């Protein structure tokens, strides 16, 4: 069998500070916006054309949605894809992602 080779760590990361996953930040931004609008998962999922279960998994960072799904969910919340990605980028840059993190970055 072959040898397992670890991914190299980036110089700005340490064992105590792993990088957050994009999907966690996306999920948090979508959930925060949905709650700010006082809308249910079922309402937003229906407007976006996805299942309630799938949207729930996206919000929890369990699924890596396609750009088409992100656009549909953002649109259901009255956001452009550009707005969503901007919010996610700002949240990541500020270190404000609280979801699960990637341990091997």
PDB file of N, CA and C in Angstrom:
ATOM      1  N   UNK A   1       0.839  -1.190   0.000  1.00  0.00           N
ATOM      2  CA  UNK A   1       0.000   0.000   0.000  1.00  0.00           C
ATOM      3  C   UNK A   1       0.876   1.244   0.000  1.00  0.00           C
ATOM      4  N   UNK A   2       0.237   2.361  -0.294  1.00  0.00           N
ATOM      5  CA  UNK A   2       0.960   3.625  -0.360  1.00  0.00           C
ATOM      6  C   UNK A   2       1.148   4.270   0.997  1.00  0.00           C
ATOM      7  N   UNK A   3       1.975   5.250   1.015  1.00  0.00           N
ATOM      8  CA  UNK A   3       2.268   5.990   2.229  1.00  0.00           C
ATOM      9  C   UNK A   3       1.292   7.155   2.362  1.00  0.00           C
ATOM     10  N   UNK A   4       0.814   7.412   3.576  1.00  0.00           N
ATOM     11  CA  UNK A   4      -0.078   8.528   3.830  1.00  0.00           C
ATOM     12  C   UNK A   4       0.767   9.782   4.031  1.00  0.00           C
ATOM     13  N   UNK A   5       0.446  10.806   3.268  1.00  0.00           N
ATOM     14  CA  UNK A   5       1.188  12.061   3.361  1.00  0.00           C
ATOM     15  C   UNK A   5       0.237  13.126   3.892  1.00  0.00           C
ATOM     16  N   UNK A   6       0.637  13.809   4.948  1.00  0.00           N
ATOM     17  CA  UNK A   6      -0.200  14.850   5.530  1.00  0.00           C
ATOM     18  C   UNK A   6      -0.142  16.115   4.687  1.00  0.00           C
ATOM     19  N   UNK A   7      -1.262  16.849   4.677  1.00  0.00           N
ATOM     20  CA  UNK A   7      -1.271  18.152   4.039  1.00  0.00           C
ATOM     21  C   UNK A   7      -0.379  19.085   4.843  1.00  0.00           C
ATOM     22  N   UNK A   8       0.398  19.918   4.169  1.00  0.00           N
ATOM     23  CA  UNK A   8       1.228  20.870   4.924  1.00  0.00           C
ATOM     24  C   UNK A   8       0.344  21.916   5.589  1.00  0.00           C
ATOM     25  N   UNK A   9       0.746  22.333   6.774  1.00  0.00           N
ATOM     26  CA  UNK A   9       0.020  23.388   7.495  1.00  0.00           C
ATOM     27  C   UNK A   9       0.487  24.739   6.989  1.00  0.00           C
ATOM     28  N   UNK A  10      -0.465  25.650   6.923  1.00  0.00           N
ATOM     29  CA  UNK A  10      -0.098  27.019   6.557  1.00  0.00           C
ATOM     30  C   UNK A  10       0.638  27.642   7.735  1.00  0.00           C
ATOM     31  N   UNK A  11       1.559  28.520   7.439  1.00  0.00           N
ATOM     32  CA  UNK A  11       2.398  29.085   8.490  1.00  0.00           C
ATOM     33  C   UNK A  11       1.613  29.884   9.516  1.00  0.00           C
ATOM     34  N   UNK A  12       0.440  30.459   9.153  1.00  0.00           N
ATOM     35  CA  UNK A  12      -0.320  31.270  10.101  1.00  0.00           C
ATOM     36  C   UNK A  12      -1.260  30.436  10.973  1.00  0.00           C
ATOM     37  N   UNK A  13      -1.302  29.112  10.783  1.00  0.00           N
ATOM     38  CA  UNK A  13      -2.176  28.263  11.572  1.00  0.00           C
ATOM     39  C   UNK A  13      -1.375  27.459  12.576  1.00  0.00           C
ATOM     40  N   UNK A  14      -1.997  27.189  13.697  1.00  0.00           N
ATOM     41  CA  UNK A  14      -1.387  26.350  14.710  1.00  0.00           C
ATOM     42  C   UNK A  14      -2.372  25.258  15.083  1.00  0.00           C
ATOM     43  N   UNK A  15      -1.912  24.297  15.865  1.00  0.00           N
ATOM     44  CA  UNK A  15      -2.792  23.224  16.314  1.00  0.00           C
ATOM     45  C   UNK A  15      -3.960  23.779  17.114  1.00  0.00           C
ATOM     46  N   UNK A  16      -3.782  24.869  17.831  1.00  0.00           N
ATOM     47  CA  UNK A  16      -4.846  25.414  18.664  1.00  0.00           C
ATOM     48  C   UNK A  16      -5.778  26.354  17.906  1.00  0.00           C
ATOM     49  N   UNK A  17      -5.454  26.687  16.669  1.00  0.00           N
ATOM     50  CA  UNK A  17      -6.286  27.623  15.911  1.00  0.00           C
ATOM     51  C   UNK A  17      -6.550  27.114  14.493  1.00  0.00           C
ATOM     52  N   UNK A  18      -7.348  26.036  14.363  1.00  0.00           N
ATOM     53  CA  UNK A  18      -7.632  25.541  13.013  1.00  0.00           C
ATOM     54  C   UNK A  18      -8.535  26.495  12.247  1.00  0.00           C
ATOM     55  N   UNK A  19      -8.450  26.412  10.937  1.00  0.00           N
ATOM     56  CA  UNK A  19      -9.244  27.294  10.085  1.00  0.00           C
ATOM     57  C   UNK A  19     -10.705  26.830  10.050  1.00  0.00           C
ATOM     58  N   UNK A  20     -11.632  27.769  10.108  1.00  0.00           N
ATOM     59  CA  UNK A  20     -13.049  27.402   9.999  1.00  0.00           C
ATOM     60  C   UNK A  20     -13.376  27.000   8.560  1.00  0.00           C
ATOM     61  N   UNK A  21     -14.409  26.207   8.428  1.00  0.00           N
ATOM     62  CA  UNK A  21     -14.851  25.790   7.103  1.00  0.00           C
ATOM     63  C   UNK A  21     -15.774  26.836   6.497  1.00  0.00           C
ATOM     64  N   UNK A  22     -15.698  27.000   5.184  1.00  0.00           N
ATOM     65  CA  UNK A  22     -16.560  27.928   4.452  1.00  0.00           C
ATOM     66  C   UNK A  22     -18.021  27.578   4.700  1.00  0.00           C
ATOM     67  N   UNK A  23     -18.355  26.269   4.645  1.00  0.00           N
ATOM     68  CA  UNK A  23     -19.748  25.870   4.793  1.00  0.00           C
ATOM     69  C   UNK A  23     -20.315  26.216   6.158  1.00  0.00           C
ATOM     70  N   UNK A  24     -19.478  26.224   7.193  1.00  0.00           N
ATOM     71  CA  UNK A  24     -19.951  26.630   8.522  1.00  0.00           C
ATOM     72  C   UNK A  24     -20.321  28.112   8.521  1.00  0.00           C
ATOM     73  N   UNK A  25     -19.472  28.924   7.912  1.00  0.00           N
ATOM     74  CA  UNK A  25     -19.732  30.362   7.861  1.00  0.00           C
ATOM     75  C   UNK A  25     -20.963  30.661   7.013  1.00  0.00           C
ATOM     76  N   UNK A  26     -21.118  29.976   5.880  1.00  0.00           N
ATOM     77  CA  UNK A  26     -22.296  30.162   5.027  1.00  0.00           C
ATOM     78  C   UNK A  26     -23.553  29.816   5.811  1.00  0.00           C
ATOM     79  N   UNK A  27     -23.527  28.700   6.495  1.00  0.00           N
ATOM     80  CA  UNK A  27     -24.684  28.275   7.275  1.00  0.00           C
ATOM     81  C   UNK A  27     -25.060  29.269   8.354  1.00  0.00           C
ATOM     82  N   UNK A  28     -24.051  29.794   9.037  1.00  0.00           N
ATOM     83  CA  UNK A  28     -24.320  30.774  10.088  1.00  0.00           C
ATOM     84  C   UNK A  28     -24.925  32.054   9.526  1.00  0.00           C
ATOM     85  N   UNK A  29     -24.405  32.518   8.414  1.00  0.00           N
ATOM     86  CA  UNK A  29     -24.935  33.742   7.800  1.00  0.00           C
ATOM     87  C   UNK A  29     -26.376  33.528   7.356  1.00  0.00           C
ATOM     88  N   UNK A  30     -26.656  32.404   6.711  1.00  0.00           N
ATOM     89  CA  UNK A  30     -28.020  32.128   6.267  1.00  0.00           C
ATOM     90  C   UNK A  30     -28.977  32.011   7.456  1.00  0.00           C
ATOM     91  N   UNK A  31     -28.565  31.288   8.493  1.00  0.00           N
ATOM     92  CA  UNK A  31     -29.414  31.132   9.676  1.00  0.00           C
ATOM     93  C   UNK A  31     -29.666  32.480  10.356  1.00  0.00           C
ATOM     94  N   UNK A  32     -28.624  33.271  10.513  1.00  0.00           N
ATOM     95  CA  UNK A  32     -28.779  34.581  11.148  1.00  0.00           C
ATOM     96  C   UNK A  32     -29.753  35.463  10.371  1.00  0.00           C
ATOM     97  N   UNK A  33     -29.622  35.465   9.037  1.00  0.00           N
ATOM     98  CA  UNK A  33     -30.517  36.292   8.216  1.00  0.00           C
ATOM     99  C   UNK A  33     -31.953  35.777   8.299  1.00  0.00           C
ATOM    100  N   UNK A  34     -32.127  34.470   8.258  1.00  0.00           N
ATOM    101  CA  UNK A  34     -33.478  33.896   8.345  1.00  0.00           C
ATOM    102  C   UNK A  34     -34.116  34.250   9.680  1.00  0.00           C
ATOM    103  N   UNK A  35     -33.364  34.138  10.751  1.00  0.00           N
ATOM    104  CA  UNK A  35     -33.899  34.467  12.079  1.00  0.00           C
ATOM    105  C   UNK A  35     -34.164  35.960  12.228  1.00  0.00           C
ATOM    106  N   UNK A  36     -33.306  36.789  11.645  1.00  0.00           N
ATOM    107  CA  UNK A  36     -33.524  38.242  11.680  1.00  0.00           C
ATOM    108  C   UNK A  36     -34.848  38.588  11.014  1.00  0.00           C
ATOM    109  N   UNK A  37     -35.157  37.866   9.947  1.00  0.00           N
ATOM    110  CA  UNK A  37     -36.413  38.093   9.230  1.00  0.00           C
ATOM    111  C   UNK A  37     -37.596  37.370   9.890  1.00  0.00           C
ATOM    112  N   UNK A  38     -37.311  36.642  10.965  1.00  0.00           N
ATOM    113  CA  UNK A  38     -38.331  35.874  11.699  1.00  0.00           C
ATOM    114  C   UNK A  38     -39.097  34.928  10.786  1.00  0.00           C
ATOM    115  N   UNK A  39     -38.334  34.205   9.952  1.00  0.00           N
ATOM    116  CA  UNK A  39     -38.925  33.247   9.012  1.00  0.00           C
ATOM    117  C   UNK A  39     -38.558  31.835   9.436  1.00  0.00           C
ATOM    118  N   UNK A  40     -39.391  30.894   9.065  1.00  0.00           N
ATOM    119  CA  UNK A  40     -39.142  29.494   9.399  1.00  0.00           C
ATOM    120  C   UNK A  40     -38.277  28.835   8.334  1.00  0.00           C
ATOM    121  N   UNK A  41     -37.684  27.710   8.716  1.00  0.00           N
ATOM    122  CA  UNK A  41     -36.941  26.919   7.745  1.00  0.00           C
ATOM    123  C   UNK A  41     -37.846  26.524   6.583  1.00  0.00           C
ATOM    124  N   UNK A  42     -39.064  26.092   6.903  1.00  0.00           N
ATOM    125  CA  UNK A  42     -39.993  25.636   5.861  1.00  0.00           C
ATOM    126  C   UNK A  42     -40.331  26.761   4.891  1.00  0.00           C
ATOM    127  N   UNK A  43     -40.520  27.958   5.399  1.00  0.00           N
ATOM    128  CA  UNK A  43     -40.849  29.102   4.550  1.00  0.00           C
ATOM    129  C   UNK A  43     -39.716  29.403   3.572  1.00  0.00           C
ATOM    130  N   UNK A  44     -38.509  29.511   4.088  1.00  0.00           N
ATOM    131  CA  UNK A  44     -37.359  29.850   3.240  1.00  0.00           C
ATOM    132  C   UNK A  44     -37.039  28.700   2.288  1.00  0.00           C
ATOM    133  N   UNK A  45     -37.083  27.474   2.780  1.00  0.00           N
ATOM    134  CA  UNK A  45     -36.800  26.322   1.932  1.00  0.00           C
ATOM    135  C   UNK A  45     -37.803  26.252   0.777  1.00  0.00           C
ATOM    136  N   UNK A  46     -39.084  26.466   1.078  1.00  0.00           N
ATOM    137  CA  UNK A  46     -40.104  26.444   0.033  1.00  0.00           C
ATOM    138  C   UNK A  46     -39.869  27.515  -1.013  1.00  0.00           C
ATOM    139  N   UNK A  47     -39.525  28.712  -0.562  1.00  0.00           N
ATOM    140  CA  UNK A  47     -39.272  29.814  -1.496  1.00  0.00           C
ATOM    141  C   UNK A  47     -38.030  29.558  -2.347  1.00  0.00           C
ATOM    142  N   UNK A  48     -37.069  28.824  -1.790  1.00  0.00           N
ATOM    143  CA  UNK A  48     -35.825  28.536  -2.515  1.00  0.00           C
ATOM    144  C   UNK A  48     -35.924  27.282  -3.373  1.00  0.00           C
ATOM    145  N   UNK A  49     -36.948  26.469  -3.154  1.00  0.00           N
ATOM    146  CA  UNK A  49     -37.088  25.241  -3.924  1.00  0.00           C
ATOM    147  C   UNK A  49     -36.206  24.102  -3.441  1.00  0.00           C
ATOM    148  N   UNK A  50     -35.889  24.111  -2.144  1.00  0.00           N
ATOM    149  CA  UNK A  50     -35.117  23.017  -1.547  1.00  0.00           C
ATOM    150  C   UNK A  50     -35.917  22.442  -0.389  1.00  0.00           C
ATOM    151  N   UNK A  51     -35.531  21.274   0.073  1.00  0.00           N
ATOM    152  CA  UNK A  51     -36.254  20.681   1.193  1.00  0.00           C
ATOM    153  C   UNK A  51     -35.862  21.372   2.504  1.00  0.00           C
ATOM    154  N   UNK A  52     -36.776  21.318   3.445  1.00  0.00           N
ATOM    155  CA  UNK A  52     -36.511  21.887   4.773  1.00  0.00           C
ATOM    156  C   UNK A  52     -35.318  21.188   5.410  1.00  0.00           C
ATOM    157  N   UNK A  53     -35.260  19.869   5.270  1.00  0.00           N
ATOM    158  CA  UNK A  53     -34.146  19.098   5.838  1.00  0.00           C
ATOM    159  C   UNK A  53     -32.809  19.538   5.228  1.00  0.00           C
ATOM    160  N   UNK A  54     -32.784  19.736   3.922  1.00  0.00           N
ATOM    161  CA  UNK A  54     -31.540  20.142   3.261  1.00  0.00           C
ATOM    162  C   UNK A  54     -31.107  21.530   3.742  1.00  0.00           C
ATOM    163  N   UNK A  55     -32.049  22.468   3.814  1.00  0.00           N
ATOM    164  CA  UNK A  55     -31.698  23.804   4.289  1.00  0.00           C
ATOM    165  C   UNK A  55     -31.192  23.753   5.728  1.00  0.00           C
ATOM    166  N   UNK A  56     -31.808  22.931   6.547  1.00  0.00           N
ATOM    167  CA  UNK A  56     -31.344  22.768   7.921  1.00  0.00           C
ATOM    168  C   UNK A  56     -29.905  22.278   7.957  1.00  0.00           C
ATOM    169  N   UNK A  57     -29.586  21.315   7.109  1.00  0.00           N
ATOM    170  CA  UNK A  57     -28.223  20.789   7.065  1.00  0.00           C
ATOM    171  C   UNK A  57     -27.234  21.823   6.541  1.00  0.00           C
ATOM    172  N   UNK A  58     -27.660  22.645   5.596  1.00  0.00           N
ATOM    173  CA  UNK A  58     -26.806  23.727   5.105  1.00  0.00           C
ATOM    174  C   UNK A  58     -26.536  24.709   6.242  1.00  0.00           C
ATOM    175  N   UNK A  59     -27.580  25.097   6.962  1.00  0.00           N
ATOM    176  CA  UNK A  59     -27.416  26.054   8.062  1.00  0.00           C
ATOM    177  C   UNK A  59     -26.511  25.514   9.166  1.00  0.00           C
ATOM    178  N   UNK A  60     -26.501  24.220   9.368  1.00  0.00           N
ATOM    179  CA  UNK A  60     -25.653  23.614  10.401  1.00  0.00           C
ATOM    180  C   UNK A  60     -24.258  23.268   9.900  1.00  0.00           C
ATOM    181  N   UNK A  61     -23.963  23.592   8.637  1.00  0.00           N
ATOM    182  CA  UNK A  61     -22.633  23.317   8.091  1.00  0.00           C
ATOM    183  C   UNK A  61     -22.408  21.856   7.766  1.00  0.00           C
ATOM    184  N   UNK A  62     -23.473  21.090   7.605  1.00  0.00           N
ATOM    185  CA  UNK A  62     -23.361  19.661   7.311  1.00  0.00           C
ATOM    186  C   UNK A  62     -23.307  19.379   5.817  1.00  0.00           C
ATOM    187  N   UNK A  63     -23.813  20.297   5.016  1.00  0.00           N
ATOM    188  CA  UNK A  63     -23.830  20.120   3.562  1.00  0.00           C
ATOM    189  C   UNK A  63     -23.061  21.253   2.900  1.00  0.00           C
ATOM    190  N   UNK A  64     -22.422  20.926   1.787  1.00  0.00           N
ATOM    191  CA  UNK A  64     -21.683  21.897   0.974  1.00  0.00           C
ATOM    192  C   UNK A  64     -22.553  22.198  -0.243  1.00  0.00           C
ATOM    193  N   UNK A  65     -23.395  23.234  -0.164  1.00  0.00           N
ATOM    194  CA  UNK A  65     -24.348  23.494  -1.248  1.00  0.00           C
ATOM    195  C   UNK A  65     -23.665  24.036  -2.501  1.00  0.00           C
ATOM    196  N   UNK A  66     -24.304  23.761  -3.643  1.00  0.00           N
ATOM    197  CA  UNK A  66     -23.812  24.289  -4.917  1.00  0.00           C
ATOM    198  C   UNK A  66     -24.071  25.791  -4.971  1.00  0.00           C
ATOM    199  N   UNK A  67     -23.444  26.449  -5.924  1.00  0.00           N
ATOM    200  CA  UNK A  67     -23.674  27.884  -6.090  1.00  0.00           C
ATOM    201  C   UNK A  67     -25.119  28.161  -6.475  1.00  0.00           C
ATOM    202  N   UNK A  68     -25.740  27.233  -7.205  1.00  0.00           N
ATOM    203  CA  UNK A  68     -27.147  27.407  -7.583  1.00  0.00           C
ATOM    204  C   UNK A  68     -28.051  27.373  -6.355  1.00  0.00           C
ATOM    205  N   UNK A  69     -27.781  26.448  -5.445  1.00  0.00           N
ATOM    206  CA  UNK A  69     -28.576  26.364  -4.211  1.00  0.00           C
ATOM    207  C   UNK A  69     -28.336  27.597  -3.352  1.00  0.00           C
ATOM    208  N   UNK A  70     -27.087  28.008  -3.229  1.00  0.00           N
ATOM    209  CA  UNK A  70     -26.793  29.216  -2.446  1.00  0.00           C
ATOM    210  C   UNK A  70     -27.511  30.426  -3.019  1.00  0.00           C
ATOM    211  N   UNK A  71     -27.517  30.537  -4.334  1.00  0.00           N
ATOM    212  CA  UNK A  71     -28.204  31.653  -4.981  1.00  0.00           C
ATOM    213  C   UNK A  71     -29.700  31.596  -4.707  1.00  0.00           C
ATOM    214  N   UNK A  72     -30.281  30.409  -4.764  1.00  0.00           N
ATOM    215  CA  UNK A  72     -31.718  30.257  -4.521  1.00  0.00           C
ATOM    216  C   UNK A  72     -32.077  30.602  -3.078  1.00  0.00           C
ATOM    217  N   UNK A  73     -31.293  30.127  -2.131  1.00  0.00           N
ATOM    218  CA  UNK A  73     -31.580  30.401  -0.721  1.00  0.00           C
ATOM    219  C   UNK A  73     -31.346  31.882  -0.415  1.00  0.00           C
ATOM    220  N   UNK A  74     -30.255  32.424  -0.921  1.00  0.00           N
ATOM    221  CA  UNK A  74     -30.000  33.855  -0.726  1.00  0.00           C
ATOM    222  C   UNK A  74     -31.146  34.673  -1.314  1.00  0.00           C
ATOM    223  N   UNK A  75     -31.584  34.315  -2.522  1.00  0.00           N
ATOM    224  CA  UNK A  75     -32.691  35.015  -3.163  1.00  0.00           C
ATOM    225  C   UNK A  75     -33.971  34.927  -2.353  1.00  0.00           C
ATOM    226  N   UNK A  76     -34.232  33.769  -1.764  1.00  0.00           N
ATOM    227  CA  UNK A  76     -35.419  33.596  -0.922  1.00  0.00           C
ATOM    228  C   UNK A  76     -35.366  34.506   0.303  1.00  0.00           C
ATOM    229  N   UNK A  77     -34.153  34.871   0.696  1.00  0.00           N
ATOM    230  CA  UNK A  77     -33.969  35.778   1.831  1.00  0.00           C
ATOM    231  C   UNK A  77     -33.821  37.237   1.402  1.00  0.00           C
ATOM    232  N   UNK A  78     -33.961  37.482   0.097  1.00  0.00           N
ATOM    233  CA  UNK A  78     -33.849  38.845  -0.409  1.00  0.00           C
ATOM    234  C   UNK A  78     -32.423  39.324  -0.569  1.00  0.00           C
ATOM    235  N   UNK A  79     -31.489  38.379  -0.672  1.00  0.00           N
ATOM    236  CA  UNK A  79     -30.075  38.715  -0.843  1.00  0.00           C
ATOM    237  C   UNK A  79     -29.608  38.284  -2.224  1.00  0.00           C
ATOM    238  N   UNK A  80     -28.602  38.972  -2.731  1.00  0.00           N
ATOM    239  CA  UNK A  80     -27.908  38.512  -3.928  1.00  0.00           C
ATOM    240  C   UNK A  80     -26.796  37.575  -3.473  1.00  0.00           C
ATOM    241  N   UNK A  81     -26.342  36.722  -4.370  1.00  0.00           N
ATOM    242  CA  UNK A  81     -25.235  35.835  -4.051  1.00  0.00           C
ATOM    243  C   UNK A  81     -24.010  36.646  -3.626  1.00  0.00           C
ATOM    244  N   UNK A  82     -23.820  37.783  -4.260  1.00  0.00           N
ATOM    245  CA  UNK A  82     -22.718  38.680  -3.897  1.00  0.00           C
ATOM    246  C   UNK A  82     -22.842  39.160  -2.451  1.00  0.00           C
ATOM    247  N   UNK A  83     -24.067  39.479  -2.013  1.00  0.00           N
ATOM    248  CA  UNK A  83     -24.284  39.902  -0.622  1.00  0.00           C
ATOM    249  C   UNK A  83     -23.909  38.777   0.349  1.00  0.00           C
ATOM    250  N   UNK A  84     -24.371  37.566   0.017  1.00  0.00           N
ATOM    251  CA  UNK A  84     -24.101  36.416   0.882  1.00  0.00           C
ATOM    252  C   UNK A  84     -22.606  36.154   0.991  1.00  0.00           C
ATOM    253  N   UNK A  85     -21.922  36.085  -0.145  1.00  0.00           N
ATOM    254  CA  UNK A  85     -20.490  35.783  -0.107  1.00  0.00           C
ATOM    255  C   UNK A  85     -19.701  36.889   0.589  1.00  0.00           C
ATOM    256  N   UNK A  86     -20.141  38.133   0.428  1.00  0.00           N
ATOM    257  CA  UNK A  86     -19.489  39.236   1.132  1.00  0.00           C
ATOM    258  C   UNK A  86     -19.626  39.103   2.636  1.00  0.00           C
ATOM    259  N   UNK A  87     -20.815  38.757   3.095  1.00  0.00           N
ATOM    260  CA  UNK A  87     -21.037  38.572   4.537  1.00  0.00           C
ATOM    261  C   UNK A  87     -20.204  37.409   5.081  1.00  0.00           C
ATOM    262  N   UNK A  88     -20.156  36.331   4.311  1.00  0.00           N
ATOM    263  CA  UNK A  88     -19.373  35.170   4.739  1.00  0.00           C
ATOM    264  C   UNK A  88     -17.898  35.536   4.830  1.00  0.00           C
ATOM    265  N   UNK A  89     -17.401  36.225   3.822  1.00  0.00           N
ATOM    266  CA  UNK A  89     -15.994  36.629   3.809  1.00  0.00           C
ATOM    267  C   UNK A  89     -15.669  37.520   4.997  1.00  0.00           C
ATOM    268  N   UNK A  90     -16.533  38.493   5.284  1.00  0.00           N
ATOM    269  CA  UNK A  90     -16.295  39.384   6.431  1.00  0.00           C
ATOM    270  C   UNK A  90     -16.312  38.610   7.749  1.00  0.00           C
ATOM    271  N   UNK A  91     -17.222  37.656   7.868  1.00  0.00           N
ATOM    272  CA  UNK A  91     -17.308  36.870   9.095  1.00  0.00           C
ATOM    273  C   UNK A  91     -16.048  36.018   9.273  1.00  0.00           C
ATOM    274  N   UNK A  92     -15.593  35.402   8.197  1.00  0.00           N
ATOM    275  CA  UNK A  92     -14.364  34.607   8.281  1.00  0.00           C
ATOM    276  C   UNK A  92     -13.163  35.483   8.619  1.00  0.00           C
ATOM    277  N   UNK A  93     -13.057  36.639   7.972  1.00  0.00           N
ATOM    278  CA  UNK A  93     -11.922  37.538   8.211  1.00  0.00           C
ATOM    279  C   UNK A  93     -11.898  38.042   9.645  1.00  0.00           C
ATOM    280  N   UNK A  94     -13.073  38.218  10.224  1.00  0.00           N
ATOM    281  CA  UNK A  94     -13.156  38.711  11.604  1.00  0.00           C
ATOM    282  C   UNK A  94     -13.028  37.592  12.634  1.00  0.00           C
ATOM    283  N   UNK A  95     -12.950  36.355  12.169  1.00  0.00           N
ATOM    284  CA  UNK A  95     -12.837  35.230  13.095  1.00  0.00           C
ATOM    285  C   UNK A  95     -14.103  34.992  13.888  1.00  0.00           C
ATOM    286  N   UNK A  96     -15.254  35.237  13.278  1.00  0.00           N
ATOM    287  CA  UNK A  96     -16.523  35.142  13.987  1.00  0.00           C
ATOM    288  C   UNK A  96     -17.300  33.872  13.687  1.00  0.00           C
ATOM    289  N   UNK A  97     -16.677  32.849  13.159  1.00  0.00           N
ATOM    290  CA  UNK A  97     -17.384  31.614  12.849  1.00  0.00           C
ATOM    291  C   UNK A  97     -17.348  30.723  14.086  1.00  0.00           C
ATOM    292  N   UNK A  98     -18.529  30.287  14.529  1.00  0.00           N
ATOM    293  CA  UNK A  98     -18.601  29.506  15.756  1.00  0.00           C
ATOM    294  C   UNK A  98     -18.890  28.036  15.536  1.00  0.00           C
ATOM    295  N   UNK A  99     -19.161  27.637  14.285  1.00  0.00           N
ATOM    296  CA  UNK A  99     -19.509  26.253  13.997  1.00  0.00           C
ATOM    297  C   UNK A  99     -18.304  25.328  14.092  1.00  0.00           C
ATOM    298  N   UNK A 100     -18.530  24.046  13.737  1.00  0.00           N
ATOM    299  CA  UNK A 100     -17.413  23.100  13.716  1.00  0.00           C
ATOM    300  C   UNK A 100     -16.309  23.604  12.805  1.00  0.00           C
ATOM    301  N   UNK A 101     -15.097  23.201  13.083  1.00  0.00           N
ATOM    302  CA  UNK A 101     -13.964  23.667  12.289  1.00  0.00           C
ATOM    303  C   UNK A 101     -13.247  22.492  11.659  1.00  0.00           C
ATOM    304  N   UNK A 102     -12.518  22.789  10.609  1.00  0.00           N
ATOM    305  CA  UNK A 102     -11.707  21.792   9.925  1.00  0.00           C
ATOM    306  C   UNK A 102     -10.432  21.574  10.721  1.00  0.00           C
ATOM    307  N   UNK A 103     -10.116  20.333  11.073  1.00  0.00           N
ATOM    308  CA  UNK A 103      -8.935  20.063  11.870  1.00  0.00           C
ATOM    309  C   UNK A 103      -7.685  19.876  11.029  1.00  0.00           C
ATOM    310  N   UNK A 104      -7.836  19.606   9.750  1.00  0.00           N
ATOM    311  CA  UNK A 104      -6.687  19.426   8.871  1.00  0.00           C
ATOM    312  C   UNK A 104      -6.722  20.458   7.780  1.00  0.00           C
ATOM    313  N   UNK A 105      -6.123  21.601   8.041  1.00  0.00           N
ATOM    314  CA  UNK A 105      -6.161  22.683   7.055  1.00  0.00           C
ATOM    315  C   UNK A 105      -4.863  22.770   6.307  1.00  0.00           C
TER     316      UNK A 105
END
